Amino acid sequence: MRSYELKDIEREDVSKTRAEGLAKVHRDSKKDPFPDIPPSLLSASDITRYVRATGLIGPFHLGGEKSRLKKASYEGRIGSCAFTFPDGSNKLENVLDSGNSDHSLLVKANSIVFVECDLDFRLPRNIALRFNLQIVHVHRGLLLGTGPLVDPGYWGKLCIPLHNLTDKDYEIPRHEGLIWVEFTKTTSDDDEGRVPLEEEQGEHWDISVFIRKAARQFNKSGPMIGIQSSIPSTAIQAETKAKEAASDASIAAAESSEAKKAAEAVRASIRNYGVGGALAAIVAVVSIWASFWFGNRTDIAAMVSRIDVLQTSMAVYKSQGGENLGPNAAQTEKLLKSVEALGFQVEQLKMENSYLRTQLSELKGK
């Protein structure tokens, strides 16, 4: 009964203070306390042994219904701070109430938040780590760069950039897991290669230093550039373009309506009065249609060729029969078909504009 209770109650096996003391003793030692453990991904029992001997991480908990220790990884949760660059600014802001352990982290829709892990890491000279976002958060739309490697010898906190790719705010309780950390024992304790960030600062407990460095890009003395998601600004631009397109579509629809009316008038004039009586109407519809076409289509050459054909046809008809070609049924019918084709093109443009307006309405509704 006693073992059952211990298994289901989470207990602190190594405190932060204890881990720090162990790490300081072991820091400059080249002696591996467990030479029997081969260079590989550490299992749960191996992680426990190294934490107890070297202060690898702190605090370190065992037991509980949802144990932080898995077969080959350990759970990291949200620490005491989380930073953003709010409202398009270049000012870093902590959005987490560090004094309230029950305070959840809110990752706003389409935003980036830089989160501190709750664990202190003091890696021995022969152990590296990787961390990844827990899969439940990935499935819910959060993104984290995959598999970052932290080299042996690193002392400090992990800075975890979270990107909420969804259009909904996402809340993470601080007692829930955020990342899984895995540890790998290297093939040797090599003196080659530099210790991570050692030339800048020996220990790294303030993640805001990392964020400010990134925000200044490669100019250490330059101003910070707010690191934010591009989605909100892109959405605003899309909305502006959508409104402009809706206005253009409305104008195009009105012009196409006028073009259709003019085409119908030409058709009636040809049937009733011949080409001569309808010449002015033909010129009018060509002018309207050309205006509509140039404002809404890119294939200008096709429009010019159609206008040229109509103008040539009218010139030939006038030279052959003057002002009265009504009796010439064949030529009149040929011109009539040309104008009917023109009306059909206008109808197609109206349908395209109607479809565009529908799409824009759906976009505004989202």
Protein backbone atom coordinates (compact mmCIF):
# COMPACT_ATOMS: atom_id res chain seq x y z
CA MET A 1 0.00 0.00 0.00
CA ARG A 2 2.90 2.29 0.81
CA SER A 3 4.49 1.86 -2.66
CA TYR A 4 1.17 2.62 -4.35
CA GLU A 5 0.85 5.89 -2.44
CA LEU A 6 4.41 6.98 -3.26
CA LYS A 7 3.92 6.21 -6.92
CA ASP A 8 0.79 8.34 -7.23
CA ILE A 9 2.01 11.33 -5.23
CA GLU A 10 4.47 13.67 -6.92
CA ARG A 11 7.46 14.38 -4.72
CA GLU A 12 10.52 16.59 -5.10
CA ASP A 13 13.50 14.28 -5.43
CA VAL A 14 16.14 17.02 -5.99
CA SER A 15 15.39 20.64 -5.11
CA LYS A 16 16.70 23.67 -6.99
CA THR A 17 19.10 24.46 -4.17
CA ARG A 18 20.34 20.87 -3.97
CA ALA A 19 20.82 20.72 -7.77
CA GLU A 20 22.85 23.93 -7.72
CA GLY A 21 25.13 22.60 -4.99
CA LEU A 22 25.72 19.31 -6.79
CA ALA A 23 26.44 21.08 -10.08
CA LYS A 24 29.02 23.43 -8.55
CA VAL A 25 30.92 20.50 -7.08
CA HIS A 26 30.85 18.58 -10.36
CA ARG A 27 31.36 21.54 -12.75
CA ASP A 28 35.11 21.38 -13.22
CA SER A 29 35.43 17.65 -12.84
CA LYS A 30 36.28 15.57 -15.88
CA LYS A 31 35.32 12.38 -14.09
CA ASP A 32 32.15 10.73 -15.35
CA PRO A 33 30.26 9.44 -12.30
CA PHE A 34 28.68 6.68 -14.40
CA PRO A 35 31.17 5.29 -16.93
CA ASP A 36 29.01 2.18 -17.18
CA ILE A 37 26.31 4.18 -19.01
CA PRO A 38 27.19 4.11 -22.73
CA PRO A 39 27.06 7.25 -24.95
CA SER A 40 23.42 7.32 -26.03
CA LEU A 41 20.02 8.80 -25.34
CA LEU A 42 19.52 8.55 -21.58
CA SER A 43 16.69 6.40 -20.25
CA ALA A 44 14.53 7.37 -17.29
CA SER A 45 16.75 5.57 -14.76
CA ASP A 46 19.91 7.10 -16.27
CA ILE A 47 18.40 10.61 -16.14
CA THR A 48 17.59 10.08 -12.47
CA ARG A 49 21.12 8.89 -11.68
CA TYR A 50 22.78 11.84 -13.39
CA VAL A 51 20.42 14.39 -11.81
CA ARG A 52 21.12 13.02 -8.33
CA ALA A 53 24.88 13.03 -8.95
CA THR A 54 25.46 16.20 -11.03
CA GLY A 55 22.45 18.48 -10.50
CA LEU A 56 21.69 18.20 -14.21
CA ILE A 57 18.26 19.82 -13.72
CA GLY A 58 16.45 21.29 -10.76
CA PRO A 59 13.95 20.87 -9.36
CA PHE A 60 13.51 17.21 -10.21
CA HIS A 61 10.23 15.47 -9.37
CA LEU A 62 9.24 11.83 -9.35
CA GLY A 63 5.89 10.08 -9.01
CA GLY A 64 2.39 11.40 -9.48
CA GLU A 65 -0.52 10.32 -11.65
CA LYS A 66 1.09 12.09 -14.60
CA SER A 67 4.77 11.69 -13.84
CA ARG A 68 7.08 14.31 -15.34
CA LEU A 69 9.61 11.58 -16.02
CA LYS A 70 8.93 9.45 -19.09
CA LYS A 71 10.92 6.55 -20.55
CA ALA A 72 13.52 8.82 -22.18
CA SER A 73 12.51 12.41 -21.42
CA TYR A 74 11.52 14.82 -18.66
CA GLU A 75 8.69 17.35 -18.65
CA GLY A 76 9.33 21.10 -18.62
CA ARG A 77 6.58 23.52 -17.66
CA ILE A 78 6.02 27.28 -17.81
CA GLY A 79 8.38 29.26 -15.60
CA SER A 80 8.02 32.67 -13.99
CA CYS A 81 8.03 34.88 -17.10
CA ALA A 82 6.83 35.06 -20.69
CA PHE A 83 7.64 37.97 -22.99
CA THR A 84 5.99 39.56 -26.02
CA PHE A 85 6.36 42.69 -28.13
CA PRO A 86 2.78 44.02 -27.84
CA ASP A 87 0.82 46.13 -30.33
CA GLY A 88 3.52 46.57 -32.93
CA SER A 89 6.00 48.07 -30.44
CA ASN A 90 9.67 47.30 -29.84
CA LYS A 91 9.19 47.23 -26.06
CA LEU A 92 9.51 43.85 -24.36
CA GLU A 93 6.71 43.06 -21.91
CA ASN A 94 6.27 40.22 -19.38
CA VAL A 95 2.72 38.91 -19.77
CA LEU A 96 2.92 36.39 -16.91
CA ASP A 97 2.19 37.04 -13.25
CA SER A 98 5.33 35.53 -11.75
CA GLY A 99 3.92 35.70 -8.22
CA ASN A 100 0.88 33.57 -9.00
CA SER A 101 1.64 29.92 -9.72
CA ASP A 102 -1.99 29.37 -10.72
CA HIS A 103 -1.86 32.09 -13.39
CA SER A 104 -2.24 30.61 -16.87
CA LEU A 105 -0.27 31.73 -19.90
CA LEU A 106 -2.45 33.25 -22.62
CA VAL A 107 -0.99 32.93 -26.10
CA LYS A 108 -3.07 35.30 -28.19
CA ALA A 109 -4.27 34.36 -31.65
CA ASN A 110 -1.62 34.83 -34.34
CA SER A 111 1.05 35.93 -31.88
CA ILE A 112 4.54 34.98 -30.68
CA VAL A 113 5.38 34.56 -26.99
CA PHE A 114 8.83 33.79 -25.56
CA VAL A 115 8.38 31.50 -22.56
CA GLU A 116 10.79 30.63 -19.78
CA CYS A 117 10.99 26.96 -18.77
CA ASP A 118 10.54 26.28 -15.06
CA LEU A 119 13.68 24.12 -14.87
CA ASP A 120 17.25 25.19 -14.11
CA PHE A 121 19.74 23.44 -16.39
CA ARG A 122 23.38 22.80 -15.45
CA LEU A 123 24.70 20.42 -18.06
CA PRO A 124 27.86 18.39 -17.35
CA ARG A 125 30.67 18.44 -19.89
CA ASN A 126 29.48 15.23 -21.56
CA ILE A 127 25.69 15.61 -21.71
CA ALA A 128 23.67 17.56 -24.30
CA LEU A 129 19.93 18.09 -24.45
CA ARG A 130 17.15 18.68 -26.96
CA PHE A 131 13.61 19.83 -26.32
CA ASN A 132 10.36 19.79 -28.24
CA LEU A 133 6.85 21.06 -27.70
CA GLN A 134 4.45 18.50 -26.30
CA ILE A 135 2.39 17.06 -29.13
CA VAL A 136 -0.98 18.14 -27.67
CA HIS A 137 0.05 21.78 -28.15
CA VAL A 138 1.21 21.09 -31.71
CA HIS A 139 -2.16 19.55 -32.56
CA ARG A 140 -3.87 22.63 -31.17
CA GLY A 141 -1.95 24.98 -33.46
CA LEU A 142 1.18 26.02 -31.54
CA LEU A 143 4.54 25.96 -33.27
CA LEU A 144 8.08 25.61 -31.91
CA GLY A 145 11.28 25.15 -33.88
CA THR A 146 12.00 21.43 -33.90
CA GLY A 147 14.75 19.81 -31.88
CA PRO A 148 16.99 22.70 -30.72
CA LEU A 149 20.30 21.34 -29.43
CA VAL A 150 21.77 22.68 -26.17
CA ASP A 151 25.45 21.75 -25.92
CA PRO A 152 27.24 20.29 -22.90
CA GLY A 153 28.35 22.84 -20.34
CA TYR A 154 25.32 25.13 -20.65
CA TRP A 155 24.05 26.67 -17.40
CA GLY A 156 20.83 28.62 -17.45
CA LYS A 157 17.18 28.75 -18.50
CA LEU A 158 15.59 27.68 -21.77
CA CYS A 159 13.83 30.34 -23.86
CA ILE A 160 10.93 28.76 -25.73
CA PRO A 161 9.39 30.77 -28.61
CA LEU A 162 5.74 29.82 -29.09
CA HIS A 163 3.82 30.84 -32.21
CA ASN A 164 0.04 30.52 -32.10
CA LEU A 165 -0.89 29.87 -35.72
CA THR A 166 -4.63 29.81 -35.08
CA ASP A 167 -7.24 32.59 -35.01
CA LYS A 168 -8.18 31.74 -31.41
CA ASP A 169 -6.45 32.60 -28.12
CA TYR A 170 -4.83 29.60 -26.42
CA GLU A 171 -4.52 29.29 -22.65
CA ILE A 172 -1.96 27.01 -20.97
CA PRO A 173 -2.16 26.41 -17.19
CA ARG A 174 1.24 26.62 -15.52
CA HIS A 175 0.84 23.21 -13.90
CA GLU A 176 0.48 21.57 -17.33
CA GLY A 177 3.43 20.30 -19.33
CA LEU A 178 4.88 22.47 -22.10
CA ILE A 179 7.93 20.66 -23.48
CA TRP A 180 9.69 17.30 -23.32
CA VAL A 181 13.43 17.40 -22.69
CA GLU A 182 15.73 14.56 -23.72
CA PHE A 183 19.37 14.07 -22.68
CA THR A 184 22.19 12.47 -24.67
CA LYS A 185 25.54 11.37 -23.32
CA THR A 186 28.32 12.25 -25.76
CA THR A 187 31.07 9.86 -26.83
CA SER A 188 33.71 11.68 -24.77
CA ASP A 189 34.42 14.67 -22.55
CA ASP A 190 36.26 16.59 -25.26
CA ASP A 191 38.29 19.74 -24.58
CA GLU A 192 37.75 20.85 -28.18
CA GLY A 193 34.93 23.26 -28.99
CA ARG A 194 33.69 26.18 -26.98
CA VAL A 195 31.18 26.09 -24.16
CA PRO A 196 27.80 27.60 -25.26
CA LEU A 197 27.80 31.41 -24.93
CA GLU A 198 30.69 31.22 -22.46
CA GLU A 199 32.50 34.14 -24.09
CA GLU A 200 29.50 36.42 -23.48
CA GLN A 201 28.29 35.36 -20.06
CA GLY A 202 29.07 32.37 -17.87
CA GLU A 203 25.47 31.60 -16.86
CA HIS A 204 22.19 32.45 -18.54
CA TRP A 205 19.26 32.83 -16.17
CA ASP A 206 17.47 35.80 -17.78
CA ILE A 207 15.79 34.84 -21.07
CA SER A 208 15.05 38.48 -21.89
CA VAL A 209 18.77 38.82 -22.74
CA PHE A 210 18.32 36.24 -25.52
CA ILE A 211 15.22 37.99 -26.84
CA ARG A 212 16.80 41.46 -26.84
CA LYS A 213 19.83 40.08 -28.64
CA ALA A 214 17.61 38.55 -31.31
CA ALA A 215 15.55 41.75 -31.62
CA ARG A 216 18.71 43.74 -32.38
CA GLN A 217 19.65 41.20 -35.03
CA PHE A 218 23.41 41.57 -35.64
CA ASN A 219 23.73 45.14 -34.37
CA LYS A 220 24.32 44.87 -30.62
CA SER A 221 24.08 48.63 -30.08
CA GLY A 222 21.16 49.20 -32.42
CA PRO A 223 17.48 49.62 -31.53
CA MET A 224 15.28 46.60 -30.91
CA ILE A 225 12.92 45.50 -33.65
CA GLY A 226 9.75 43.98 -32.23
CA ILE A 227 9.54 40.26 -33.03
CA GLN A 228 5.91 39.64 -33.92
CA SER A 229 3.74 37.48 -36.13
CA SER A 230 3.18 38.84 -39.62
CA ILE A 231 -0.34 37.38 -39.79
CA PRO A 232 -2.26 40.29 -38.15
CA SER A 233 -0.68 42.94 -40.39
CA THR A 234 -1.19 40.72 -43.43
CA ALA A 235 -4.86 40.31 -42.48
CA ILE A 236 -5.29 44.09 -42.26
CA GLN A 237 -3.71 44.53 -45.69
CA ALA A 238 -5.94 41.80 -47.10
CA GLU A 239 -9.02 43.48 -45.66
CA THR A 240 -8.01 46.81 -47.22
CA LYS A 241 -7.44 45.17 -50.58
CA ALA A 242 -10.74 43.36 -50.26
CA LYS A 243 -12.59 46.65 -49.72
CA GLU A 244 -10.84 48.18 -52.72
CA ALA A 245 -11.68 45.14 -54.81
CA ALA A 246 -15.31 45.29 -53.68
CA SER A 247 -15.51 48.93 -54.77
CA ASP A 248 -13.92 48.11 -58.14
CA ALA A 249 -16.30 45.20 -58.58
CA SER A 250 -19.29 47.43 -57.88
CA ILE A 251 -18.13 49.95 -60.48
CA ALA A 252 -17.42 47.17 -62.98
CA ALA A 253 -20.89 45.72 -62.45
CA ALA A 254 -22.49 49.10 -63.14
CA GLU A 255 -20.38 49.55 -66.28
CA SER A 256 -21.20 46.06 -67.54
CA SER A 257 -24.89 46.77 -67.00
CA GLU A 258 -24.62 49.93 -69.10
CA ALA A 259 -22.71 48.03 -71.76
CA LYS A 260 -25.41 45.39 -71.94
CA LYS A 261 -28.14 48.01 -72.32
CA ALA A 262 -26.21 49.74 -75.07
CA ALA A 263 -25.61 46.44 -76.87
CA GLU A 264 -29.33 45.65 -76.75
CA ALA A 265 -30.10 49.11 -78.15
CA VAL A 266 -27.69 48.54 -81.08
CA ARG A 267 -29.25 45.17 -81.79
CA ALA A 268 -32.73 46.68 -81.93
CA SER A 269 -31.52 49.58 -84.11
CA ILE A 270 -29.90 47.27 -86.65
CA ARG A 271 -33.04 45.18 -87.00
CA ASN A 272 -35.30 48.18 -87.32
CA TYR A 273 -33.20 50.71 -89.21
CA GLY A 274 -30.16 49.01 -90.73
CA VAL A 275 -26.50 49.82 -90.11
CA GLY A 276 -26.71 53.48 -91.04
CA GLY A 277 -29.40 54.22 -88.45
CA ALA A 278 -27.50 52.31 -85.76
CA LEU A 279 -24.00 53.69 -86.40
CA ALA A 280 -24.05 56.13 -83.49
CA ALA A 281 -25.29 53.43 -81.12
CA ILE A 282 -22.51 51.06 -82.22
CA VAL A 283 -19.87 53.70 -81.54
CA ALA A 284 -21.40 54.27 -78.09
CA VAL A 285 -21.41 50.60 -77.08
CA VAL A 286 -17.84 50.10 -78.32
CA SER A 287 -16.77 53.08 -76.21
CA ILE A 288 -18.54 51.76 -73.09
CA TRP A 289 -17.28 48.25 -73.54
CA ALA A 290 -13.72 49.43 -74.16
CA SER A 291 -13.81 51.47 -70.96
CA PHE A 292 -15.08 48.47 -69.00
CA TRP A 293 -12.56 46.11 -70.60
CA PHE A 294 -9.50 48.32 -70.02
CA GLY A 295 -10.48 48.86 -66.38
CA ASN A 296 -11.02 45.20 -65.56
CA ARG A 297 -9.07 42.95 -67.98
CA THR A 298 -5.41 42.47 -68.84
CA ASP A 299 -5.78 41.09 -72.35
CA ILE A 300 -5.91 44.58 -73.98
CA ALA A 301 -4.72 43.32 -77.37
CA ALA A 302 -7.80 41.10 -77.70
CA MET A 303 -10.09 44.08 -77.08
CA VAL A 304 -8.28 46.28 -79.59
CA SER A 305 -8.58 43.63 -82.29
CA ARG A 306 -12.34 43.34 -81.68
CA ILE A 307 -12.80 47.10 -81.93
CA ASP A 308 -10.75 47.18 -85.15
CA VAL A 309 -12.94 44.46 -86.68
CA LEU A 310 -16.13 46.37 -85.83
CA GLN A 311 -14.78 49.64 -87.12
CA THR A 312 -13.59 48.00 -90.39
CA SER A 313 -16.95 46.33 -90.85
CA MET A 314 -18.81 49.61 -90.39
CA ALA A 315 -16.50 51.40 -92.83
CA VAL A 316 -17.05 48.73 -95.49
CA TYR A 317 -20.81 48.78 -94.99
CA LYS A 318 -20.94 52.56 -95.32
CA SER A 319 -18.83 52.57 -98.49
CA GLN A 320 -21.02 49.91 -100.06
CA GLY A 321 -24.43 51.19 -99.19
CA GLY A 322 -24.29 54.67 -97.72
CA GLU A 323 -26.72 55.36 -94.94
CA ASN A 324 -29.33 52.73 -95.76
CA LEU A 325 -28.26 49.09 -95.54
CA GLY A 326 -31.49 47.83 -94.10
CA PRO A 327 -32.40 45.72 -97.21
CA ASN A 328 -28.98 44.02 -97.21
CA ALA A 329 -30.06 41.24 -94.90
CA ALA A 330 -26.89 39.13 -95.07
CA GLN A 331 -24.52 41.92 -94.10
CA THR A 332 -26.91 43.28 -91.51
CA GLU A 333 -27.23 39.84 -89.91
CA LYS A 334 -23.42 39.46 -89.87
CA LEU A 335 -23.04 42.73 -88.00
CA LEU A 336 -25.89 41.71 -85.71
CA LYS A 337 -24.01 38.53 -84.75
CA SER A 338 -20.89 40.57 -83.98
CA VAL A 339 -22.88 42.77 -81.62
CA GLU A 340 -24.55 39.71 -80.06
CA ALA A 341 -21.10 38.26 -79.42
CA LEU A 342 -20.21 41.55 -77.78
CA GLY A 343 -23.23 41.24 -75.50
CA PHE A 344 -22.21 37.68 -74.62
CA GLN A 345 -18.75 38.89 -73.59
CA VAL A 346 -20.34 41.52 -71.35
CA GLU A 347 -22.54 38.86 -69.74
CA GLN A 348 -19.45 36.79 -68.99
CA LEU A 349 -17.80 39.76 -67.35
CA LYS A 350 -20.90 40.32 -65.22
CA MET A 351 -20.79 36.70 -64.07
CA GLU A 352 -17.11 37.05 -63.16
CA ASN A 353 -17.83 40.22 -61.19
CA SER A 354 -20.74 38.53 -59.42
CA TYR A 355 -18.49 35.66 -58.41
CA LEU A 356 -15.85 38.11 -57.13
CA ARG A 357 -18.41 39.95 -55.01
CA THR A 358 -19.56 36.63 -53.51
CA GLN A 359 -15.98 35.69 -52.60
CA LEU A 360 -15.37 39.10 -51.05
CA SER A 361 -18.56 38.82 -48.98
CA GLU A 362 -17.43 35.43 -47.67
CA LEU A 363 -14.00 36.86 -46.85
CA LYS A 364 -15.54 39.73 -44.88
CA GLY A 365 -17.69 37.28 -42.95
CA LYS A 366 -14.66 35.27 -41.74
